[in-house]
Every structure is written in structure tokens, then in C-alpha cells.
Amino acid sequence: MGFTQAIQSGFENYTNFRSRASRSEFWYWTLFYFLGSIITSVIDFAVLSSEIGILNIIFGLATLVPSIAVAVRRLHDIGKSGWTLLAFIPFFGYIVLLVWQCKKGDESINNYGDNPLFSKQR
């Protein structure tokens, strides 16, 4: 999955908390979120001279639910429940989540559906 496909999939599947997301979809979405945050912060500071960062807040709110959805679907890809996202709030949990998000997804069907890379090739 490419960068633009991942962004499109993130916005199209923002209410989908049941299926799976590949590593490329998750990490391209994360890159999009990171770059979007930087760009909106620069525009807020340089162009709008805003200390509040209104564009950054709007961008963050617009991508909040899709970001949670893609993270849940990424956990589903490795066979973990999406609820574990809430269980790992402390600092140590972020490290565990990072390792899981880097892990290769299940190659076959798991409890959450087909392998997203295989089903896209059909």
C-alpha cells in the first residue's frame, strides 16, 4: 500500500474498528499525521501568528478517530484485540505498542479477517 492509498484508506475506514490494517497502511498514516502536524504548526506560527495553533487543533481533531481506527486495525493484524490500545497507556506500554506495530501481521486469516495485503491483491 502506498502513501496516498494509506491516507485514503484511513479516512474511508475511520469507523471500521473490526478489520485489519497492514504495517504499510499504519506507518504511512503515521507519517501523514506527523507531516500534517508539522505543516499546520508552521502555518499557525509563521502565517497566522497564532500561539494557540488553531489549524493544528483542527487537523488533530479531524484525524483523531481515523488514527485510533487504524491503530486498532493494526493490532488486529497481529491478532491482538483493539482494547489493548487502552491497556498500554503508561510509558512502558508505548514501547510494547511500538514493537507490536512493527511486527509482521498474521499471514493467514485470523479472528479479525483476511490478511489485508492478500485481500488487496485479489
N, C-alpha and C. Protein backbone atom coordinates (compact mmCIF):
# COMPACT_ATOMS: atom_id res chain seq x y z
N MET A 1 0.85 -1.18 0.00
CA MET A 1 0.00 0.00 0.00
C MET A 1 0.89 1.24 0.00
N GLY A 2 0.56 2.18 -0.85
CA GLY A 2 1.34 3.39 -0.96
C GLY A 2 0.85 4.49 -0.02
N PHE A 3 1.55 5.61 -0.05
CA PHE A 3 1.25 6.72 0.85
C PHE A 3 -0.16 7.26 0.64
N THR A 4 -0.51 7.57 -0.59
CA THR A 4 -1.84 8.15 -0.84
C THR A 4 -2.94 7.13 -0.60
N GLN A 5 -2.69 5.86 -0.90
CA GLN A 5 -3.68 4.82 -0.62
C GLN A 5 -3.92 4.68 0.88
N ALA A 6 -2.86 4.80 1.67
CA ALA A 6 -2.99 4.68 3.12
C ALA A 6 -3.81 5.84 3.69
N ILE A 7 -3.57 7.04 3.18
CA ILE A 7 -4.33 8.20 3.65
C ILE A 7 -5.81 8.04 3.26
N GLN A 8 -6.05 7.64 2.03
CA GLN A 8 -7.41 7.43 1.57
C GLN A 8 -8.09 6.34 2.39
N SER A 9 -7.39 5.25 2.65
CA SER A 9 -7.95 4.16 3.44
C SER A 9 -8.23 4.61 4.87
N GLY A 10 -7.34 5.43 5.42
CA GLY A 10 -7.54 5.92 6.78
C GLY A 10 -8.82 6.73 6.91
N PHE A 11 -9.07 7.60 5.94
CA PHE A 11 -10.29 8.41 6.00
C PHE A 11 -11.54 7.62 5.61
N GLU A 12 -11.40 6.67 4.69
CA GLU A 12 -12.56 5.87 4.29
C GLU A 12 -12.98 4.88 5.37
N ASN A 13 -12.02 4.39 6.14
CA ASN A 13 -12.30 3.37 7.15
C ASN A 13 -12.26 3.93 8.57
N TYR A 14 -12.59 5.19 8.73
CA TYR A 14 -12.48 5.80 10.06
C TYR A 14 -13.47 5.24 11.07
N THR A 15 -14.51 4.55 10.60
CA THR A 15 -15.45 3.91 11.52
C THR A 15 -15.26 2.40 11.58
N ASN A 16 -14.26 1.90 10.89
CA ASN A 16 -14.01 0.47 10.83
C ASN A 16 -13.04 0.07 11.94
N PHE A 17 -13.58 -0.53 12.98
CA PHE A 17 -12.76 -0.99 14.09
C PHE A 17 -12.75 -2.52 14.14
N ARG A 18 -13.11 -3.17 13.03
CA ARG A 18 -13.25 -4.62 13.03
C ARG A 18 -12.23 -5.35 12.16
N SER A 19 -11.76 -4.74 11.09
CA SER A 19 -10.89 -5.47 10.16
C SER A 19 -9.42 -5.27 10.53
N ARG A 20 -8.56 -5.42 9.54
CA ARG A 20 -7.11 -5.38 9.77
C ARG A 20 -6.47 -4.29 8.91
N ALA A 21 -5.33 -3.79 9.38
CA ALA A 21 -4.54 -2.81 8.62
C ALA A 21 -3.10 -3.30 8.55
N SER A 22 -2.50 -3.23 7.38
CA SER A 22 -1.12 -3.67 7.20
C SER A 22 -0.15 -2.69 7.84
N ARG A 23 1.10 -3.13 7.96
CA ARG A 23 2.13 -2.24 8.50
C ARG A 23 2.27 -0.98 7.65
N SER A 24 2.27 -1.18 6.33
CA SER A 24 2.46 -0.01 5.46
C SER A 24 1.32 0.98 5.62
N GLU A 25 0.09 0.51 5.76
CA GLU A 25 -1.03 1.42 5.96
C GLU A 25 -0.86 2.20 7.26
N PHE A 26 -0.50 1.50 8.33
CA PHE A 26 -0.34 2.16 9.63
C PHE A 26 0.79 3.18 9.60
N TRP A 27 1.96 2.78 9.08
CA TRP A 27 3.11 3.68 9.14
C TRP A 27 2.99 4.84 8.16
N TYR A 28 2.37 4.64 7.01
CA TYR A 28 2.12 5.77 6.11
C TYR A 28 1.11 6.73 6.73
N TRP A 29 0.12 6.19 7.42
CA TRP A 29 -0.83 7.06 8.11
C TRP A 29 -0.11 7.86 9.20
N THR A 30 0.78 7.20 9.93
CA THR A 30 1.54 7.87 10.98
C THR A 30 2.42 8.97 10.38
N LEU A 31 3.06 8.71 9.24
CA LEU A 31 3.86 9.72 8.55
C LEU A 31 2.99 10.89 8.11
N PHE A 32 1.82 10.60 7.56
CA PHE A 32 0.89 11.66 7.17
C PHE A 32 0.50 12.53 8.36
N TYR A 33 0.19 11.88 9.47
CA TYR A 33 -0.19 12.62 10.68
C TYR A 33 0.96 13.50 11.17
N PHE A 34 2.17 12.94 11.19
CA PHE A 34 3.35 13.67 11.64
C PHE A 34 3.63 14.89 10.73
N LEU A 35 3.63 14.66 9.42
CA LEU A 35 3.88 15.76 8.48
C LEU A 35 2.77 16.81 8.54
N GLY A 36 1.52 16.36 8.63
CA GLY A 36 0.40 17.28 8.74
C GLY A 36 0.48 18.15 9.99
N SER A 37 0.91 17.56 11.09
CA SER A 37 1.07 18.31 12.33
C SER A 37 2.16 19.37 12.22
N ILE A 38 3.26 19.00 11.58
CA ILE A 38 4.35 19.96 11.39
C ILE A 38 3.91 21.10 10.48
N ILE A 39 3.28 20.77 9.38
CA ILE A 39 2.85 21.79 8.42
C ILE A 39 1.85 22.74 9.04
N THR A 40 0.84 22.19 9.73
CA THR A 40 -0.16 23.07 10.35
C THR A 40 0.44 23.91 11.47
N SER A 41 1.42 23.38 12.18
CA SER A 41 2.09 24.17 13.22
C SER A 41 2.88 25.33 12.62
N VAL A 42 3.59 25.05 11.52
CA VAL A 42 4.36 26.10 10.85
C VAL A 42 3.43 27.18 10.31
N ILE A 43 2.32 26.78 9.70
CA ILE A 43 1.37 27.76 9.19
C ILE A 43 0.78 28.58 10.33
N ASP A 44 0.43 27.91 11.42
CA ASP A 44 -0.12 28.62 12.58
C ASP A 44 0.87 29.65 13.11
N PHE A 45 2.12 29.27 13.23
CA PHE A 45 3.11 30.16 13.82
C PHE A 45 3.57 31.24 12.85
N ALA A 46 3.92 30.86 11.62
CA ALA A 46 4.51 31.81 10.67
C ALA A 46 3.49 32.69 9.97
N VAL A 47 2.42 32.10 9.52
CA VAL A 47 1.46 32.85 8.71
C VAL A 47 0.39 33.50 9.57
N LEU A 48 -0.20 32.72 10.45
CA LEU A 48 -1.31 33.23 11.25
C LEU A 48 -0.86 33.89 12.55
N SER A 49 0.42 33.75 12.90
CA SER A 49 0.96 34.29 14.16
C SER A 49 0.09 33.88 15.34
N SER A 50 -0.34 32.65 15.32
CA SER A 50 -1.23 32.14 16.35
C SER A 50 -0.44 31.33 17.37
N GLU A 51 -0.57 31.69 18.63
CA GLU A 51 0.09 30.93 19.69
C GLU A 51 -0.76 29.72 20.08
N ILE A 52 -2.03 29.78 19.79
CA ILE A 52 -2.93 28.69 20.15
C ILE A 52 -2.76 27.52 19.18
N GLY A 53 -2.52 27.79 17.92
CA GLY A 53 -2.36 26.74 16.93
C GLY A 53 -3.69 26.17 16.47
N ILE A 54 -4.55 27.04 16.02
CA ILE A 54 -5.91 26.63 15.67
C ILE A 54 -5.94 25.62 14.51
N LEU A 55 -5.09 25.80 13.49
CA LEU A 55 -5.06 24.83 12.39
C LEU A 55 -4.58 23.46 12.86
N ASN A 56 -3.60 23.47 13.75
CA ASN A 56 -3.10 22.21 14.29
C ASN A 56 -4.17 21.51 15.12
N ILE A 57 -4.95 22.26 15.87
CA ILE A 57 -6.04 21.68 16.64
C ILE A 57 -7.10 21.09 15.71
N ILE A 58 -7.45 21.82 14.66
CA ILE A 58 -8.44 21.32 13.70
C ILE A 58 -7.94 20.05 13.02
N PHE A 59 -6.67 20.06 12.61
CA PHE A 59 -6.08 18.87 11.98
C PHE A 59 -6.08 17.70 12.94
N GLY A 60 -5.71 17.93 14.18
CA GLY A 60 -5.70 16.87 15.19
C GLY A 60 -7.07 16.28 15.43
N LEU A 61 -8.08 17.14 15.51
CA LEU A 61 -9.44 16.66 15.71
C LEU A 61 -9.97 15.90 14.49
N ALA A 62 -9.60 16.37 13.29
CA ALA A 62 -10.06 15.73 12.06
C ALA A 62 -9.44 14.35 11.87
N THR A 63 -8.27 14.13 12.43
CA THR A 63 -7.58 12.86 12.25
C THR A 63 -7.58 12.00 13.51
N LEU A 64 -8.24 12.42 14.56
CA LEU A 64 -8.24 11.66 15.82
C LEU A 64 -8.90 10.29 15.67
N VAL A 65 -10.14 10.27 15.22
CA VAL A 65 -10.86 8.99 15.09
C VAL A 65 -10.20 8.09 14.03
N PRO A 66 -9.83 8.62 12.84
CA PRO A 66 -9.14 7.74 11.88
C PRO A 66 -7.82 7.18 12.43
N SER A 67 -7.11 7.96 13.23
CA SER A 67 -5.85 7.48 13.81
C SER A 67 -6.08 6.34 14.80
N ILE A 68 -7.11 6.48 15.62
CA ILE A 68 -7.44 5.41 16.57
C ILE A 68 -7.89 4.17 15.80
N ALA A 69 -8.69 4.36 14.76
CA ALA A 69 -9.20 3.23 13.98
C ALA A 69 -8.06 2.48 13.30
N VAL A 70 -7.12 3.18 12.71
CA VAL A 70 -6.02 2.50 12.02
C VAL A 70 -5.12 1.80 13.04
N ALA A 71 -4.96 2.36 14.23
CA ALA A 71 -4.16 1.70 15.28
C ALA A 71 -4.85 0.43 15.76
N VAL A 72 -6.15 0.48 15.92
CA VAL A 72 -6.90 -0.72 16.33
C VAL A 72 -6.81 -1.79 15.24
N ARG A 73 -7.00 -1.38 13.99
CA ARG A 73 -6.92 -2.35 12.90
C ARG A 73 -5.51 -2.94 12.77
N ARG A 74 -4.50 -2.13 13.10
CA ARG A 74 -3.12 -2.64 13.07
C ARG A 74 -2.93 -3.71 14.15
N LEU A 75 -3.47 -3.49 15.33
CA LEU A 75 -3.40 -4.50 16.37
C LEU A 75 -4.14 -5.77 15.95
N HIS A 76 -5.25 -5.61 15.27
CA HIS A 76 -5.99 -6.77 14.77
C HIS A 76 -5.15 -7.57 13.78
N ASP A 77 -4.30 -6.90 13.02
CA ASP A 77 -3.48 -7.58 12.01
C ASP A 77 -2.50 -8.55 12.66
N ILE A 78 -2.10 -8.29 13.89
CA ILE A 78 -1.18 -9.20 14.57
C ILE A 78 -1.91 -10.10 15.57
N GLY A 79 -3.25 -10.08 15.51
CA GLY A 79 -4.04 -10.98 16.33
C GLY A 79 -4.34 -10.47 17.73
N LYS A 80 -4.11 -9.19 17.99
CA LYS A 80 -4.38 -8.60 19.31
C LYS A 80 -5.71 -7.86 19.26
N SER A 81 -6.36 -7.78 20.39
CA SER A 81 -7.60 -7.03 20.50
C SER A 81 -7.32 -5.53 20.44
N GLY A 82 -8.22 -4.79 19.86
CA GLY A 82 -8.07 -3.34 19.82
C GLY A 82 -8.14 -2.70 21.20
N TRP A 83 -8.77 -3.40 22.15
CA TRP A 83 -8.87 -2.88 23.51
C TRP A 83 -7.51 -2.80 24.20
N THR A 84 -6.53 -3.55 23.72
CA THR A 84 -5.20 -3.46 24.32
C THR A 84 -4.58 -2.09 24.11
N LEU A 85 -5.10 -1.34 23.16
CA LEU A 85 -4.63 0.02 22.95
C LEU A 85 -4.84 0.85 24.21
N LEU A 86 -5.95 0.62 24.90
CA LEU A 86 -6.23 1.34 26.14
C LEU A 86 -5.45 0.81 27.33
N ALA A 87 -5.07 -0.44 27.28
CA ALA A 87 -4.38 -1.06 28.40
C ALA A 87 -2.94 -0.58 28.54
N PHE A 88 -2.37 -0.06 27.46
CA PHE A 88 -0.97 0.31 27.49
C PHE A 88 -0.77 1.82 27.50
N ILE A 89 -1.44 2.51 28.38
CA ILE A 89 -1.33 3.95 28.49
C ILE A 89 0.01 4.39 29.10
N PRO A 90 0.53 3.74 30.15
CA PRO A 90 1.80 4.20 30.74
C PRO A 90 2.96 4.12 29.76
N PHE A 91 4.08 4.73 30.11
CA PHE A 91 5.24 4.83 29.22
C PHE A 91 5.69 3.48 28.70
N PHE A 92 5.79 2.49 29.58
CA PHE A 92 6.23 1.16 29.16
C PHE A 92 5.31 0.59 28.08
N GLY A 93 4.04 0.91 28.19
CA GLY A 93 3.07 0.42 27.22
C GLY A 93 3.33 0.94 25.81
N TYR A 94 3.83 2.16 25.70
CA TYR A 94 4.13 2.71 24.38
C TYR A 94 5.23 1.91 23.69
N ILE A 95 6.17 1.42 24.46
CA ILE A 95 7.25 0.62 23.89
C ILE A 95 6.69 -0.71 23.38
N VAL A 96 5.81 -1.33 24.16
CA VAL A 96 5.18 -2.58 23.74
C VAL A 96 4.36 -2.35 22.48
N LEU A 97 3.57 -1.27 22.45
CA LEU A 97 2.77 -0.97 21.26
C LEU A 97 3.65 -0.72 20.04
N LEU A 98 4.76 -0.02 20.23
CA LEU A 98 5.68 0.25 19.11
C LEU A 98 6.23 -1.06 18.55
N VAL A 99 6.62 -1.98 19.42
CA VAL A 99 7.12 -3.28 18.97
C VAL A 99 6.03 -4.03 18.22
N TRP A 100 4.82 -4.03 18.75
CA TRP A 100 3.71 -4.73 18.09
C TRP A 100 3.39 -4.10 16.74
N GLN A 101 3.45 -2.77 16.66
CA GLN A 101 3.13 -2.11 15.41
C GLN A 101 4.19 -2.34 14.34
N CYS A 102 5.38 -2.69 14.76
CA CYS A 102 6.45 -3.01 13.81
C CYS A 102 6.44 -4.48 13.40
N LYS A 103 5.71 -5.29 14.15
CA LYS A 103 5.66 -6.72 13.91
C LYS A 103 4.89 -7.04 12.63
N LYS A 104 5.36 -8.07 11.93
CA LYS A 104 4.67 -8.51 10.72
C LYS A 104 3.31 -9.10 11.09
N GLY A 105 2.31 -8.78 10.29
CA GLY A 105 0.96 -9.27 10.54
C GLY A 105 0.83 -10.75 10.26
N ASP A 106 -0.26 -11.33 10.78
CA ASP A 106 -0.55 -12.74 10.51
C ASP A 106 -0.74 -12.93 9.01
N GLU A 107 -0.08 -13.94 8.46
CA GLU A 107 -0.16 -14.16 7.02
C GLU A 107 -1.47 -14.79 6.58
N SER A 108 -2.13 -15.47 7.47
CA SER A 108 -3.38 -16.12 7.11
C SER A 108 -4.56 -15.41 7.78
N ILE A 109 -5.71 -15.98 7.63
CA ILE A 109 -6.91 -15.43 8.26
C ILE A 109 -6.78 -15.56 9.78
N ASN A 110 -7.12 -14.50 10.50
CA ASN A 110 -7.19 -14.58 11.96
C ASN A 110 -8.60 -14.19 12.39
N ASN A 111 -8.81 -13.97 13.67
CA ASN A 111 -10.14 -13.67 14.20
C ASN A 111 -10.73 -12.38 13.63
N TYR A 112 -9.90 -11.55 13.02
CA TYR A 112 -10.35 -10.24 12.55
C TYR A 112 -10.46 -10.15 11.03
N GLY A 113 -10.25 -11.25 10.33
CA GLY A 113 -10.44 -11.25 8.89
C GLY A 113 -9.23 -11.70 8.10
N ASP A 114 -9.32 -11.48 6.79
CA ASP A 114 -8.24 -11.84 5.87
C ASP A 114 -7.03 -10.95 6.06
N ASN A 115 -5.90 -11.44 5.58
CA ASN A 115 -4.69 -10.63 5.52
C ASN A 115 -4.95 -9.45 4.59
N PRO A 116 -4.77 -8.20 5.06
CA PRO A 116 -5.10 -7.05 4.20
C PRO A 116 -4.24 -6.97 2.94
N LEU A 117 -3.03 -7.44 2.99
CA LEU A 117 -2.19 -7.41 1.80
C LEU A 117 -2.64 -8.44 0.78
N PHE A 118 -3.07 -9.60 1.26
CA PHE A 118 -3.54 -10.65 0.34
C PHE A 118 -4.88 -10.29 -0.27
N SER A 119 -5.79 -9.74 0.53
CA SER A 119 -7.13 -9.43 0.02
C SER A 119 -7.09 -8.26 -0.97
N LYS A 120 -6.10 -7.37 -0.90
CA LYS A 120 -5.98 -6.25 -1.85
C LYS A 120 -5.49 -6.74 -3.21
N GLN A 121 -4.77 -7.87 -3.22
CA GLN A 121 -4.20 -8.37 -4.48
C GLN A 121 -5.20 -9.12 -5.31
N ARG A 122 -6.32 -9.53 -4.74
CA ARG A 122 -7.33 -10.31 -5.48
C ARG A 122 -8.02 -9.50 -6.52
